[in-house]
């Protein structure tokens, strides 16, 4: 199965004036400045205010965020790792394709592939593999308690990657890795919409317990329940887009903490 390139995931190139930067949420003083800027951009992307193919100009973002280009550059690197943007030769940093069709296809294909991976994994599951999964769930729980979404999303991806790798099906694992950008973006989207990282961590703990039972039917039920939650979160995200981004879904009050005005210490040119 050929792997999509970054350029294939980006909408056809249009006149640059069509991609005027929308108003971004001001960063909060709760985390490092690059993380705050990345979150503002992430919300604009996931709510559909920054469209596929949009050109993210560092100077424009820095001006609106009242900071220097350094924190903006670091923020774009965070978004690139999450699979939301890509830096392309001679084209700058562009928003990747997150249309409804792209997100729904990623969700359904991922669910089918992971259930197959679990079917292969259960008969060959060993103590070492379970220990690695346990460590990743603990990382998720710790990140959830601290409210550090970036670390949470990374542990989330690694947990599912471990299931694919431990299945022993090399081609299946390569297919999963080939979808890495879309998978990371989908996970970040679902976790952002949920607004309740401890609950998401608890769902992963349930998957781990099912695997420890080595009962395939229980593993399948738990995975399907997990993906049902993800589907509902995706529906909320897409509903919010259709309503102009006014409805977010999930824990609205938790999300509002990301929209506070910046502290005075975050003056232009300052990095945290």
Protein backbone atom coordinates (compact mmCIF):
# COMPACT_ATOMS: atom_id res chain seq x y z
CA UNK A 1 0.00 0.00 0.00
CA UNK A 2 1.70 3.27 -1.04
CA UNK A 3 2.27 5.79 1.70
CA UNK A 4 0.79 9.25 1.21
CA UNK A 5 3.32 12.02 0.97
CA UNK A 6 2.89 15.35 2.71
CA UNK A 7 2.14 17.07 -0.56
CA UNK A 8 -0.68 14.62 -1.27
CA UNK A 9 -2.39 15.56 1.98
CA UNK A 10 -2.46 19.26 1.18
CA UNK A 11 -5.27 20.91 -0.72
CA UNK A 12 -4.51 22.30 -4.21
CA UNK A 13 -2.50 25.49 -4.08
CA UNK A 14 -4.57 28.64 -4.29
CA UNK A 15 -3.91 32.33 -4.22
CA UNK A 16 -2.20 33.28 -0.97
CA UNK A 17 -4.69 36.04 -0.17
CA UNK A 18 -7.31 33.32 0.38
CA UNK A 19 -5.36 32.18 3.45
CA UNK A 20 -5.51 35.32 5.57
CA UNK A 21 -4.73 34.39 9.17
CA UNK A 22 -7.96 34.25 11.24
CA UNK A 23 -8.13 35.75 14.74
CA UNK A 24 -6.30 33.40 17.09
CA UNK A 25 -6.97 32.76 20.76
CA UNK A 26 -4.48 34.63 22.92
CA UNK A 27 -2.06 32.33 24.78
CA UNK A 28 -2.45 31.70 28.50
CA UNK A 29 0.32 32.12 31.09
CA UNK A 30 -0.06 28.50 32.28
CA UNK A 31 2.52 26.80 30.05
CA UNK A 32 5.54 27.62 27.93
CA UNK A 33 4.87 30.23 25.30
CA UNK A 34 5.44 27.88 22.32
CA UNK A 35 2.90 25.44 23.80
CA UNK A 36 0.38 28.24 24.28
CA UNK A 37 0.81 29.47 20.70
CA UNK A 38 0.60 25.90 19.40
CA UNK A 39 -2.67 25.41 21.26
CA UNK A 40 -4.18 28.57 19.76
CA UNK A 41 -3.21 27.41 16.28
CA UNK A 42 -4.41 23.87 17.02
CA UNK A 43 -7.84 25.16 17.95
CA UNK A 44 -8.02 27.24 14.77
CA UNK A 45 -7.09 24.19 12.67
CA UNK A 46 -9.44 21.74 14.38
CA UNK A 47 -12.33 24.19 14.34
CA UNK A 48 -11.81 24.66 10.62
CA UNK A 49 -10.84 28.35 10.78
CA UNK A 50 -7.44 27.49 9.31
CA UNK A 51 -8.18 25.44 6.20
CA UNK A 52 -6.18 22.66 4.54
CA UNK A 53 -3.25 24.12 2.64
CA UNK A 54 -3.24 27.39 4.59
CA UNK A 55 0.21 29.00 4.72
CA UNK A 56 1.31 29.72 8.30
CA UNK A 57 3.57 32.77 8.22
CA UNK A 58 5.74 33.10 11.33
CA UNK A 59 5.83 36.90 11.24
CA UNK A 60 2.04 37.21 11.03
CA UNK A 61 1.50 34.80 13.92
CA UNK A 62 4.20 36.50 16.01
CA UNK A 63 2.58 39.88 15.46
CA UNK A 64 -0.84 38.66 16.57
CA UNK A 65 0.59 36.75 19.54
CA UNK A 66 2.72 39.76 20.51
CA UNK A 67 5.96 37.82 20.63
CA UNK A 68 9.07 37.13 18.57
CA UNK A 69 9.40 34.54 15.83
CA UNK A 70 11.34 32.12 18.06
CA UNK A 71 8.38 30.86 20.10
CA UNK A 72 6.25 30.72 16.94
CA UNK A 73 8.86 28.58 15.20
CA UNK A 74 8.91 26.21 18.19
CA UNK A 75 5.10 26.12 18.23
CA UNK A 76 5.01 25.08 14.56
CA UNK A 77 7.46 22.26 15.34
CA UNK A 78 5.05 21.01 18.03
CA UNK A 79 2.17 21.06 15.56
CA UNK A 80 4.29 19.26 12.96
CA UNK A 81 4.98 16.48 15.45
CA UNK A 82 1.23 16.22 16.10
CA UNK A 83 0.68 15.78 12.36
CA UNK A 84 -1.32 18.98 11.98
CA UNK A 85 1.09 20.90 9.74
CA UNK A 86 4.02 20.15 7.47
CA UNK A 87 7.04 22.20 6.45
CA UNK A 88 7.48 21.74 2.73
CA UNK A 89 10.41 22.80 0.51
CA UNK A 90 9.80 26.20 -1.07
CA UNK A 91 6.23 26.26 0.28
CA UNK A 92 6.71 27.07 3.95
CA UNK A 93 4.61 25.55 6.72
CA UNK A 94 1.17 24.44 5.56
CA UNK A 95 -1.90 23.06 7.29
CA UNK A 96 -2.52 19.43 6.34
CA UNK A 97 -5.80 18.00 5.11
CA UNK A 98 -8.33 17.70 7.94
CA UNK A 99 -11.55 17.62 5.99
CA UNK A 100 -14.46 15.63 7.40
CA UNK A 101 -13.81 12.84 4.92
CA UNK A 102 -10.13 12.62 5.88
CA UNK A 103 -10.89 12.46 9.61
CA UNK A 104 -13.68 9.89 9.24
CA UNK A 105 -11.61 7.65 6.96
CA UNK A 106 -8.68 7.78 9.37
CA UNK A 107 -10.99 6.84 12.25
CA UNK A 108 -12.63 3.85 10.58
CA UNK A 109 -9.44 2.48 9.03
CA UNK A 110 -7.55 2.81 12.29
CA UNK A 111 -10.27 0.93 14.20
CA UNK A 112 -10.25 -1.94 11.70
CA UNK A 113 -6.46 -2.22 11.65
CA UNK A 114 -6.09 -2.12 15.42
CA UNK A 115 -8.72 -4.77 16.05
CA UNK A 116 -6.87 -7.03 13.60
CA UNK A 117 -3.58 -6.24 15.37
CA UNK A 118 -5.14 -7.17 18.72
CA UNK A 119 -6.40 -10.45 17.26
CA UNK A 120 -2.81 -11.33 16.35
CA UNK A 121 -1.36 -10.02 19.60
CA UNK A 122 -3.48 -11.83 22.20
CA UNK A 123 -2.16 -15.38 21.51
CA UNK A 124 1.48 -14.20 21.62
CA UNK A 125 1.27 -11.60 24.38
CA UNK A 126 4.13 -11.82 26.88
CA UNK A 127 5.07 -10.16 30.17
CA UNK A 128 7.59 -7.79 28.59
CA UNK A 129 5.00 -6.43 26.15
CA UNK A 130 2.48 -5.94 28.94
CA UNK A 131 5.10 -4.10 30.99
CA UNK A 132 5.73 -1.66 28.15
CA UNK A 133 2.00 -1.04 27.77
CA UNK A 134 1.66 -0.56 31.53
CA UNK A 135 4.46 2.03 31.50
CA UNK A 136 2.75 3.96 28.71
CA UNK A 137 -0.60 3.99 30.52
CA UNK A 138 1.17 5.30 33.63
CA UNK A 139 2.72 8.05 31.49
CA UNK A 140 -0.72 8.96 30.21
CA UNK A 141 -2.16 9.06 33.71
CA UNK A 142 0.67 11.27 34.93
CA UNK A 143 0.34 13.61 31.95
CA UNK A 144 -3.43 13.76 32.50
CA UNK A 145 -2.97 14.70 36.16
CA UNK A 146 -0.58 17.47 35.13
CA UNK A 147 -2.73 18.62 32.22
CA UNK A 148 0.17 18.29 29.77
CA UNK A 149 -1.60 17.42 26.53
CA UNK A 150 1.55 17.14 24.44
CA UNK A 151 3.05 14.41 26.65
CA UNK A 152 -0.35 12.73 26.88
CA UNK A 153 -0.79 12.57 23.11
CA UNK A 154 2.71 11.16 22.65
CA UNK A 155 2.09 8.37 25.20
CA UNK A 156 -1.32 7.74 23.60
CA UNK A 157 0.28 7.23 20.18
CA UNK A 158 3.06 5.03 21.60
CA UNK A 159 0.52 2.82 23.41
CA UNK A 160 -1.29 1.96 20.19
CA UNK A 161 1.97 1.71 18.27
CA UNK A 162 3.11 -0.90 20.79
CA UNK A 163 -0.02 -2.97 20.07
CA UNK A 164 0.77 -2.95 16.34
CA UNK A 165 4.46 -3.66 16.77
CA UNK A 166 3.86 -6.46 19.28
CA UNK A 167 1.33 -8.12 16.95
CA UNK A 168 4.29 -9.50 14.99
CA UNK A 169 2.79 -8.47 11.62
CA UNK A 170 5.46 -6.31 10.07
CA UNK A 171 3.41 -5.15 7.07
CA UNK A 172 0.50 -4.19 9.32
CA UNK A 173 2.84 -2.16 11.51
CA UNK A 174 4.28 -0.44 8.43
CA UNK A 175 0.76 0.49 7.30
CA UNK A 176 0.05 1.98 10.72
CA UNK A 177 3.33 3.91 10.64
CA UNK A 178 2.49 5.11 7.14
CA UNK A 179 -0.67 6.70 8.56
CA UNK A 180 1.25 8.29 11.42
CA UNK A 181 0.49 11.91 10.59
CA UNK A 182 -3.23 11.33 10.22
CA UNK A 183 -3.36 9.09 13.30
CA UNK A 184 -1.54 11.61 15.47
CA UNK A 185 -3.78 14.39 14.25
CA UNK A 186 -6.92 12.32 14.87
CA UNK A 187 -5.78 11.42 18.39
CA UNK A 188 -4.92 15.05 19.18
CA UNK A 189 -8.33 16.10 17.83
CA UNK A 190 -10.26 13.54 19.88
CA UNK A 191 -8.34 14.28 23.08
CA UNK A 192 -8.80 18.02 22.59
CA UNK A 193 -12.56 17.65 22.05
CA UNK A 194 -12.89 15.33 25.04
CA UNK A 195 -11.38 17.90 27.39
CA UNK A 196 -11.07 15.09 29.97
CA UNK A 197 -7.64 13.48 29.73
CA UNK A 198 -8.06 11.39 32.93
CA UNK A 199 -11.13 9.71 31.38
CA UNK A 200 -9.20 8.98 28.18
CA UNK A 201 -6.36 7.51 30.25
CA UNK A 202 -8.91 5.35 32.08
CA UNK A 203 -10.10 3.94 28.73
CA UNK A 204 -6.52 2.94 27.92
CA UNK A 205 -6.21 1.34 31.35
CA UNK A 206 -9.32 -0.72 30.45
CA UNK A 207 -7.68 -1.85 27.20
CA UNK A 208 -4.59 -2.90 29.15
CA UNK A 209 -6.68 -4.89 31.64
CA UNK A 210 -8.47 -6.63 28.77
CA UNK A 211 -5.13 -7.57 27.21
CA UNK A 212 -3.90 -8.87 30.56
CA UNK A 213 -6.90 -11.20 30.64
CA UNK A 214 -5.74 -12.66 27.30
CA UNK A 215 -9.40 -13.07 26.37
CA UNK A 216 -9.87 -12.03 22.75
CA UNK A 217 -13.60 -11.31 23.03
CA UNK A 218 -12.99 -8.98 25.99
CA UNK A 219 -10.18 -7.19 24.13
CA UNK A 220 -12.41 -6.71 21.09
CA UNK A 221 -15.29 -5.32 23.20
CA UNK A 222 -12.99 -2.91 25.00
CA UNK A 223 -11.38 -1.66 21.80
CA UNK A 224 -14.77 -1.17 20.16
CA UNK A 225 -15.96 0.79 23.18
CA UNK A 226 -12.84 2.96 22.95
CA UNK A 227 -13.38 3.65 19.28
CA UNK A 228 -17.07 4.38 19.88
CA UNK A 229 -15.94 7.15 22.24
CA UNK A 230 -13.54 8.45 19.60
CA UNK A 231 -16.32 8.47 17.03
CA UNK A 232 -18.56 10.51 19.32
CA UNK A 233 -15.73 12.98 19.94
CA UNK A 234 -15.16 13.25 16.20
CA UNK A 235 -18.87 13.96 15.69
CA UNK A 236 -18.66 16.73 18.29
CA UNK A 237 -15.65 18.23 16.56
CA UNK A 238 -17.37 18.22 13.18
CA UNK A 239 -20.59 19.60 14.69
CA UNK A 240 -18.57 22.45 16.16
CA UNK A 241 -17.13 23.19 12.72
CA UNK A 242 -20.58 23.31 11.14
CA UNK A 243 -21.74 25.79 13.77
CA UNK A 244 -18.87 28.15 13.11
CA UNK A 245 -16.71 26.87 15.94
CA UNK A 246 -19.06 28.18 18.65
CA UNK A 247 -19.82 24.74 19.99
CA UNK A 248 -16.86 22.73 21.11
CA UNK A 249 -18.26 19.64 22.76
CA UNK A 250 -16.60 17.79 25.62
CA UNK A 251 -15.71 19.80 28.72
CA UNK A 252 -16.36 23.40 27.67
CA UNK A 253 -15.20 24.88 30.94
CA UNK A 254 -11.89 23.02 30.71
CA UNK A 255 -11.43 24.36 27.20
CA UNK A 256 -12.14 27.92 28.26
CA UNK A 257 -8.97 27.96 30.30
CA UNK A 258 -7.05 27.93 27.04
CA UNK A 259 -8.62 31.16 25.88
CA UNK A 260 -7.48 33.57 28.57
CA UNK A 261 -5.58 36.76 27.75
CA UNK A 262 -1.78 36.54 28.05
CA UNK A 263 -0.06 37.67 31.21
CA UNK A 264 1.72 41.00 31.05
CA UNK A 265 5.06 39.23 31.33
CA UNK A 266 4.48 37.84 27.84
CA UNK A 267 5.46 41.02 26.09
CA UNK A 268 6.75 41.14 22.56
CA UNK A 269 9.96 39.24 22.15
CA UNK A 270 9.82 37.42 25.48
CA UNK A 271 10.12 33.60 25.51
CA UNK A 272 9.29 31.29 28.39
